[in-house]
Every structure is written in structure tokens, then in C-alpha cells.
Amino acid sequence: MADLQELRYPIGKYQRPEHLPLDDHARAVLIDDIERAPAGLRAAVDGLSDGQLDMPYRLGGWTIRQVVHHVPDSHMNGYVRTRLAMTEENPTIKLHREALWAELPDVRTVPIGVSLALLDALHVRWTAFLRGLSAADFQRTFHHPELGPLPLDVAIGIYAWHGKHHTAHITNALKLAHS
């Protein structure tokens, strides 16, 4: 049986890069990961029943349905944050209380296909935006109230990790349910 740490962080916790700025290749890999996130999430939930969607990914964790709705909520915030960093000087971003967002009524009533379509469209825009930036642009920052100034090189790493992290929550939950 997997321990709680493995269930909470199935691909490990996000690791901030030791050396910044990132080189062009490392940055391109992260943007490619962001681009692939919607397809990975969609594949993880393909064909799941309502009962499976309402299964928690771990004891005390969100349901798979909540996770699916959470990813575009979080990534919309990420998209806005990266755009703010390009149009303002180190803007202080607003945090969203994701645990409360996961309890809002639409999370229970809107089909997950709506959030998957939203994530698809969002990531097309986001990756096009990111690929249009110069290497110097990725050193622009936004101010995270808990983490301090975050350069875009770090922010894209967080969101590349985030998509894979939640997809792994779902795939691991389904493997455990079938074992």
C-alpha cells in the first residue's frame, strides 16, 4: 500500500530549478509539458463512470471530479499571472482558496467535459503566448504572497509539474481501486 506522502505527491514535490535562467531547451520542455497536460488529464478520465469520478484519489482527498475541475481553475490563474508579469512590474498576484473553489456548486453539477474543453482551449492560448516570449521575458516576475517574486521560468515549471501531478493522482487512484 502506498504511503500518504506517495498518495499526496505521486510524482514528488515540485523542485525549483537550482540554476536560473533556464536554457532554451529546458524552457521548451516545460512549455511542451504544459501543452500536453490537457491530453494527459483527458486520457486519465476517459470512460470513467460517475461513481469513479466521485471516488477520492486518496483517503481525505478530493474526488477525481474535483481534481478535474481544479486543474483548469488553477491553470486559468497561472495564465493570468504570466500575462500580468508581462504587462506590469512584479505585480502582486491574488491567491485563490483552491480548497473552497473545489467545494463550489458547479464542481458537482457541471460535466467534467466542460472543464476538459476549457483546459484544451486555455492551453492552446497559454502555450502560444509562452512560445512568443523572448528568453529575457522569462526573467520577468510576479510577486506571490507566500513565495515572494517568481520569475516566469519558475512559474512555468510549477504549472508543468502541476498538470502531471494531478493526472498522476487520478491514474494512481484508479490503479489502487483495481488492485
Protein backbone atom coordinates (compact mmCIF):
# COMPACT_ATOMS: atom_id res chain seq x y z
CA MET A 1 0.00 0.00 0.00
CA ALA A 2 1.29 3.45 -0.89
CA ASP A 3 2.07 5.77 1.99
CA LEU A 4 0.36 9.13 2.44
CA GLN A 5 3.31 11.08 1.01
CA GLU A 6 3.25 8.97 -2.18
CA LEU A 7 -0.51 9.44 -2.49
CA ARG A 8 -0.28 13.21 -1.98
CA TYR A 9 2.77 13.68 -4.23
CA PRO A 10 2.80 10.76 -6.67
CA ILE A 11 5.49 12.37 -8.87
CA GLY A 12 7.24 14.05 -5.93
CA LYS A 13 7.00 17.63 -4.78
CA TYR A 14 7.82 20.42 -7.20
CA GLN A 15 11.56 21.09 -7.26
CA ARG A 16 12.60 24.64 -8.06
CA PRO A 17 15.50 24.68 -10.55
CA GLU A 18 18.88 25.24 -8.95
CA HIS A 19 20.14 27.37 -11.83
CA LEU A 20 18.25 30.24 -13.41
CA PRO A 21 17.67 31.42 -16.01
CA LEU A 22 16.69 28.21 -17.72
CA ASP A 23 18.26 27.48 -21.07
CA ASP A 24 16.08 27.45 -24.18
CA HIS A 25 15.84 23.65 -24.24
CA ALA A 26 14.76 23.31 -20.59
CA ARG A 27 12.18 26.04 -21.08
CA ALA A 28 10.84 24.39 -24.25
CA VAL A 29 10.44 21.07 -22.40
CA LEU A 30 8.33 22.78 -19.72
CA ILE A 31 6.15 24.52 -22.30
CA ASP A 32 5.69 21.19 -24.10
CA ASP A 33 4.62 19.65 -20.76
CA ILE A 34 2.07 22.43 -20.32
CA GLU A 35 0.83 21.83 -23.86
CA ARG A 36 0.38 18.08 -23.20
CA ALA A 37 -1.38 18.46 -19.84
CA PRO A 38 -4.94 18.58 -21.20
CA ALA A 39 -4.48 15.40 -23.26
CA GLY A 40 -2.97 13.60 -20.26
CA LEU A 41 -5.82 14.60 -17.98
CA ARG A 42 -8.41 13.69 -20.62
CA ALA A 43 -6.82 10.25 -21.14
CA ALA A 44 -6.77 9.61 -17.37
CA VAL A 45 -10.54 10.11 -17.03
CA ASP A 46 -11.63 8.65 -20.36
CA GLY A 47 -14.59 6.34 -19.87
CA LEU A 48 -14.93 6.81 -16.11
CA SER A 49 -18.38 6.40 -14.61
CA ASP A 50 -19.96 8.94 -12.26
CA GLY A 51 -19.16 6.57 -9.40
CA GLN A 52 -15.49 6.53 -10.35
CA LEU A 53 -15.45 10.33 -10.78
CA ASP A 54 -16.84 10.68 -7.27
CA MET A 55 -14.13 8.45 -5.79
CA PRO A 56 -11.47 10.29 -3.78
CA TYR A 57 -7.96 9.97 -5.18
CA ARG A 58 -6.79 9.24 -1.61
CA LEU A 59 -8.40 8.97 1.81
CA GLY A 60 -9.39 12.50 2.79
CA GLY A 61 -8.53 13.87 -0.66
CA TRP A 62 -10.60 15.42 -3.37
CA THR A 63 -12.69 13.31 -5.69
CA ILE A 64 -11.47 12.71 -9.20
CA ARG A 65 -14.26 15.05 -10.36
CA GLN A 66 -12.94 17.82 -8.09
CA VAL A 67 -9.41 17.28 -9.38
CA VAL A 68 -10.56 17.57 -12.99
CA HIS A 69 -12.35 20.86 -12.28
CA HIS A 70 -9.43 22.11 -10.17
CA VAL A 71 -6.80 21.89 -12.91
CA PRO A 72 -8.37 24.49 -15.25
CA ASP A 73 -9.24 26.69 -12.25
CA SER A 74 -5.58 26.67 -11.23
CA HIS A 75 -4.21 27.00 -14.76
CA MET A 76 -6.50 29.93 -15.56
CA ASN A 77 -4.91 31.67 -12.60
CA GLY A 78 -1.48 30.67 -13.92
CA TYR A 79 -2.28 32.02 -17.37
CA VAL A 80 -3.38 35.35 -15.92
CA ARG A 81 -0.34 35.51 -13.65
CA THR A 82 2.07 35.01 -16.54
CA ARG A 83 0.31 37.68 -18.59
CA LEU A 84 0.33 40.10 -15.66
CA ALA A 85 4.08 39.58 -15.29
CA MET A 86 4.49 40.67 -18.90
CA THR A 87 2.35 43.77 -18.59
CA GLU A 88 3.17 45.04 -15.08
CA GLU A 89 6.29 45.31 -12.96
CA ASN A 90 6.35 42.42 -10.46
CA PRO A 91 2.58 42.51 -9.83
CA THR A 92 1.35 41.00 -6.58
CA ILE A 93 -0.96 38.18 -7.52
CA LYS A 94 -4.09 37.22 -5.67
CA LEU A 95 -4.19 33.73 -4.24
CA HIS A 96 -7.28 31.62 -4.77
CA ARG A 97 -8.50 29.41 -1.97
CA GLU A 98 -8.48 26.24 -4.03
CA ALA A 99 -9.98 24.03 -1.29
CA LEU A 100 -13.02 26.32 -1.21
CA TRP A 101 -13.16 26.55 -5.01
CA ALA A 102 -13.32 22.72 -5.09
CA GLU A 103 -16.49 22.87 -2.97
CA LEU A 104 -18.40 25.40 -5.11
CA PRO A 105 -21.69 24.14 -6.62
CA ASP A 106 -20.53 23.99 -10.25
CA VAL A 107 -17.88 21.41 -9.34
CA ARG A 108 -20.67 18.96 -8.53
CA THR A 109 -23.06 19.88 -11.34
CA VAL A 110 -21.05 20.76 -14.46
CA PRO A 111 -19.91 17.76 -16.51
CA ILE A 112 -16.14 17.27 -16.48
CA GLY A 113 -16.15 17.57 -20.29
CA VAL A 114 -16.72 21.30 -19.87
CA SER A 115 -13.58 21.67 -17.75
CA LEU A 116 -11.59 19.45 -20.12
CA ALA A 117 -12.65 21.61 -23.09
CA LEU A 118 -11.80 24.75 -21.11
CA LEU A 119 -8.35 23.31 -20.32
CA ASP A 120 -7.80 22.42 -24.00
CA ALA A 121 -8.60 25.97 -25.17
CA LEU A 122 -6.71 27.61 -22.33
CA HIS A 123 -3.54 25.64 -23.04
CA VAL A 124 -3.64 26.48 -26.75
CA ARG A 125 -3.64 30.18 -25.83
CA TRP A 126 -1.16 29.81 -22.98
CA THR A 127 1.45 27.85 -24.90
CA ALA A 128 1.16 30.16 -27.92
CA PHE A 129 1.73 33.09 -25.56
CA LEU A 130 4.70 31.42 -23.86
CA ARG A 131 6.33 30.41 -27.14
CA GLY A 132 6.12 34.03 -28.28
CA LEU A 133 8.22 35.31 -25.37
CA SER A 134 11.93 36.01 -25.51
CA ALA A 135 14.44 34.39 -23.15
CA ALA A 136 14.70 37.71 -21.29
CA ASP A 137 10.90 37.79 -20.82
CA PHE A 138 11.08 34.63 -18.71
CA GLN A 139 13.05 36.59 -16.09
CA ARG A 140 10.07 38.89 -15.51
CA THR A 141 8.37 38.19 -12.21
CA PHE A 142 5.13 38.30 -10.35
CA HIS A 143 5.02 38.52 -6.57
CA HIS A 144 3.46 35.52 -4.88
CA PRO A 145 2.27 36.50 -1.37
CA GLU A 146 3.68 33.27 0.13
CA LEU A 147 6.68 32.56 -2.14
CA GLY A 148 7.92 36.04 -3.00
CA PRO A 149 8.98 37.10 -6.50
CA LEU A 150 8.64 34.27 -9.03
CA PRO A 151 10.29 34.55 -12.43
CA LEU A 152 8.28 33.10 -15.29
CA ASP A 153 10.95 30.39 -15.66
CA VAL A 154 9.90 29.13 -12.22
CA ALA A 155 6.17 29.66 -12.79
CA ILE A 156 6.10 27.54 -15.94
CA GLY A 157 7.91 24.79 -14.06
CA ILE A 158 5.28 24.85 -11.34
CA TYR A 159 2.43 24.56 -13.84
CA ALA A 160 4.19 21.89 -15.93
CA TRP A 161 4.59 19.88 -12.71
CA HIS A 162 1.02 20.67 -11.60
CA GLY A 163 -0.64 19.10 -14.63
CA LYS A 164 1.40 15.90 -14.31
CA HIS A 165 0.88 15.85 -10.52
CA HIS A 166 -2.92 15.81 -10.75
CA THR A 167 -3.01 13.40 -13.67
CA ALA A 168 -0.93 11.02 -11.55
CA HIS A 169 -3.42 11.44 -8.67
CA ILE A 170 -6.13 10.11 -10.95
CA THR A 171 -4.17 7.28 -12.55
CA ASN A 172 -2.84 6.12 -9.17
CA ALA A 173 -6.32 6.20 -7.61
CA LEU A 174 -7.67 4.05 -10.41
CA LYS A 175 -4.79 1.56 -10.11
CA LEU A 176 -5.35 1.28 -6.35
CA ALA A 177 -9.10 0.81 -6.85
CA HIS A 178 -8.42 -2.09 -9.24
CA SER A 179 -5.82 -3.81 -7.04
